[in-house]
């Protein structure tokens, strides 16, 4: 299982603080998710979950985050 501490935060050295912050960092953090997806020790179900989470993150837009402050 991959934990948040195992995921490099290339967008900023500070930890992600909320959903809007994650959304703003996603373009520069997506490569980290892709590199995790390529890991040989990832189980098929973990790979599937990560792939769908990436697909979901790619579809989120500013209008989806209104009221998430």
C-alpha atoms as a PDB file:
ATOM      1  CA  UNK A   1       0.000   0.000   0.000  1.00  0.00           C
ATOM      2  CA  UNK A   2       1.242   3.497  -0.818  1.00  0.00           C
ATOM      3  CA  UNK A   3       0.881   6.179   1.828  1.00  0.00           C
ATOM      4  CA  UNK A   4       0.955   9.946   1.385  1.00  0.00           C
ATOM      5  CA  UNK A   5       4.494  10.115   2.762  1.00  0.00           C
ATOM      6  CA  UNK A   6       5.594   7.788  -0.075  1.00  0.00           C
ATOM      7  CA  UNK A   7       4.269  10.116  -2.761  1.00  0.00           C
ATOM      8  CA  UNK A   8       6.767  12.823  -3.663  1.00  0.00           C
ATOM      9  CA  UNK A   9       5.242  16.284  -3.761  1.00  0.00           C
ATOM     10  CA  UNK A  10       6.974  17.839  -6.741  1.00  0.00           C
ATOM     11  CA  UNK A  11       4.727  20.896  -6.783  1.00  0.00           C
ATOM     12  CA  UNK A  12       5.967  22.238  -3.469  1.00  0.00           C
ATOM     13  CA  UNK A  13       7.957  21.077  -0.452  1.00  0.00           C
ATOM     14  CA  UNK A  14       4.957  21.832   1.798  1.00  0.00           C
ATOM     15  CA  UNK A  15       2.353  19.124   2.405  1.00  0.00           C
ATOM     16  CA  UNK A  16      -0.940  19.488   0.588  1.00  0.00           C
ATOM     17  CA  UNK A  17      -3.356  21.239   2.931  1.00  0.00           C
ATOM     18  CA  UNK A  18      -6.772  20.823   1.279  1.00  0.00           C
ATOM     19  CA  UNK A  19      -8.654  19.824  -1.860  1.00  0.00           C
ATOM     20  CA  UNK A  20      -8.165  23.173  -3.607  1.00  0.00           C
ATOM     21  CA  UNK A  21      -4.439  23.039  -2.896  1.00  0.00           C
ATOM     22  CA  UNK A  22      -4.292  19.505  -4.330  1.00  0.00           C
ATOM     23  CA  UNK A  23      -6.208  20.643  -7.429  1.00  0.00           C
ATOM     24  CA  UNK A  24      -3.786  23.527  -7.970  1.00  0.00           C
ATOM     25  CA  UNK A  25      -0.794  21.192  -7.659  1.00  0.00           C
ATOM     26  CA  UNK A  26      -2.225  18.365  -9.768  1.00  0.00           C
ATOM     27  CA  UNK A  27      -0.629  19.385 -13.097  1.00  0.00           C
ATOM     28  CA  UNK A  28       2.856  19.186 -11.591  1.00  0.00           C
ATOM     29  CA  UNK A  29       2.052  16.206  -9.318  1.00  0.00           C
ATOM     30  CA  UNK A  30       0.478  14.002 -11.993  1.00  0.00           C
ATOM     31  CA  UNK A  31       3.890  12.681 -13.043  1.00  0.00           C
ATOM     32  CA  UNK A  32       4.451  11.354  -9.525  1.00  0.00           C
ATOM     33  CA  UNK A  33       1.179   9.452  -9.720  1.00  0.00           C
ATOM     34  CA  UNK A  34       2.203   8.041 -13.103  1.00  0.00           C
ATOM     35  CA  UNK A  35       5.526   6.857 -11.694  1.00  0.00           C
ATOM     36  CA  UNK A  36       3.718   5.077  -8.860  1.00  0.00           C
ATOM     37  CA  UNK A  37       1.377   3.500 -11.400  1.00  0.00           C
ATOM     38  CA  UNK A  38       4.450   2.072 -13.164  1.00  0.00           C
ATOM     39  CA  UNK A  39       5.777   0.370 -10.029  1.00  0.00           C
ATOM     40  CA  UNK A  40       6.131  -3.378 -10.418  1.00  0.00           C
ATOM     41  CA  UNK A  41       5.091  -4.052  -6.813  1.00  0.00           C
ATOM     42  CA  UNK A  42       1.623  -2.531  -7.313  1.00  0.00           C
ATOM     43  CA  UNK A  43      -1.167  -5.100  -7.220  1.00  0.00           C
ATOM     44  CA  UNK A  44      -3.736  -5.106 -10.022  1.00  0.00           C
ATOM     45  CA  UNK A  45      -6.490  -3.732  -7.767  1.00  0.00           C
ATOM     46  CA  UNK A  46      -4.192  -0.951  -6.492  1.00  0.00           C
ATOM     47  CA  UNK A  47      -3.234  -0.067 -10.068  1.00  0.00           C
ATOM     48  CA  UNK A  48      -6.919   0.062 -11.016  1.00  0.00           C
ATOM     49  CA  UNK A  49      -7.808   2.339  -8.078  1.00  0.00           C
ATOM     50  CA  UNK A  50      -4.920   4.702  -8.796  1.00  0.00           C
ATOM     51  CA  UNK A  51      -5.754   4.793 -12.482  1.00  0.00           C
ATOM     52  CA  UNK A  52      -9.381   5.725 -11.748  1.00  0.00           C
ATOM     53  CA  UNK A  53      -8.338   8.334  -9.173  1.00  0.00           C
ATOM     54  CA  UNK A  54      -6.069   9.921 -11.774  1.00  0.00           C
ATOM     55  CA  UNK A  55      -8.914   9.879 -14.286  1.00  0.00           C
ATOM     56  CA  UNK A  56     -11.144  11.564 -11.707  1.00  0.00           C
ATOM     57  CA  UNK A  57      -8.514  14.202 -10.825  1.00  0.00           C
ATOM     58  CA  UNK A  58      -8.042  14.961 -14.526  1.00  0.00           C
ATOM     59  CA  UNK A  59     -11.750  15.709 -14.877  1.00  0.00           C
ATOM     60  CA  UNK A  60     -12.043  18.097 -11.908  1.00  0.00           C
ATOM     61  CA  UNK A  61     -12.335  21.767 -12.783  1.00  0.00           C
ATOM     62  CA  UNK A  62     -12.623  25.025 -10.847  1.00  0.00           C
ATOM     63  CA  UNK A  63     -16.425  24.893 -10.948  1.00  0.00           C
ATOM     64  CA  UNK A  64     -16.307  21.554  -9.103  1.00  0.00           C
ATOM     65  CA  UNK A  65     -14.434  23.142  -6.204  1.00  0.00           C
ATOM     66  CA  UNK A  66     -16.758  26.032  -5.431  1.00  0.00           C
ATOM     67  CA  UNK A  67     -17.659  26.010  -1.763  1.00  0.00           C
ATOM     68  CA  UNK A  68     -14.742  23.732  -0.834  1.00  0.00           C
ATOM     69  CA  UNK A  69     -12.811  26.440   1.018  1.00  0.00           C
END
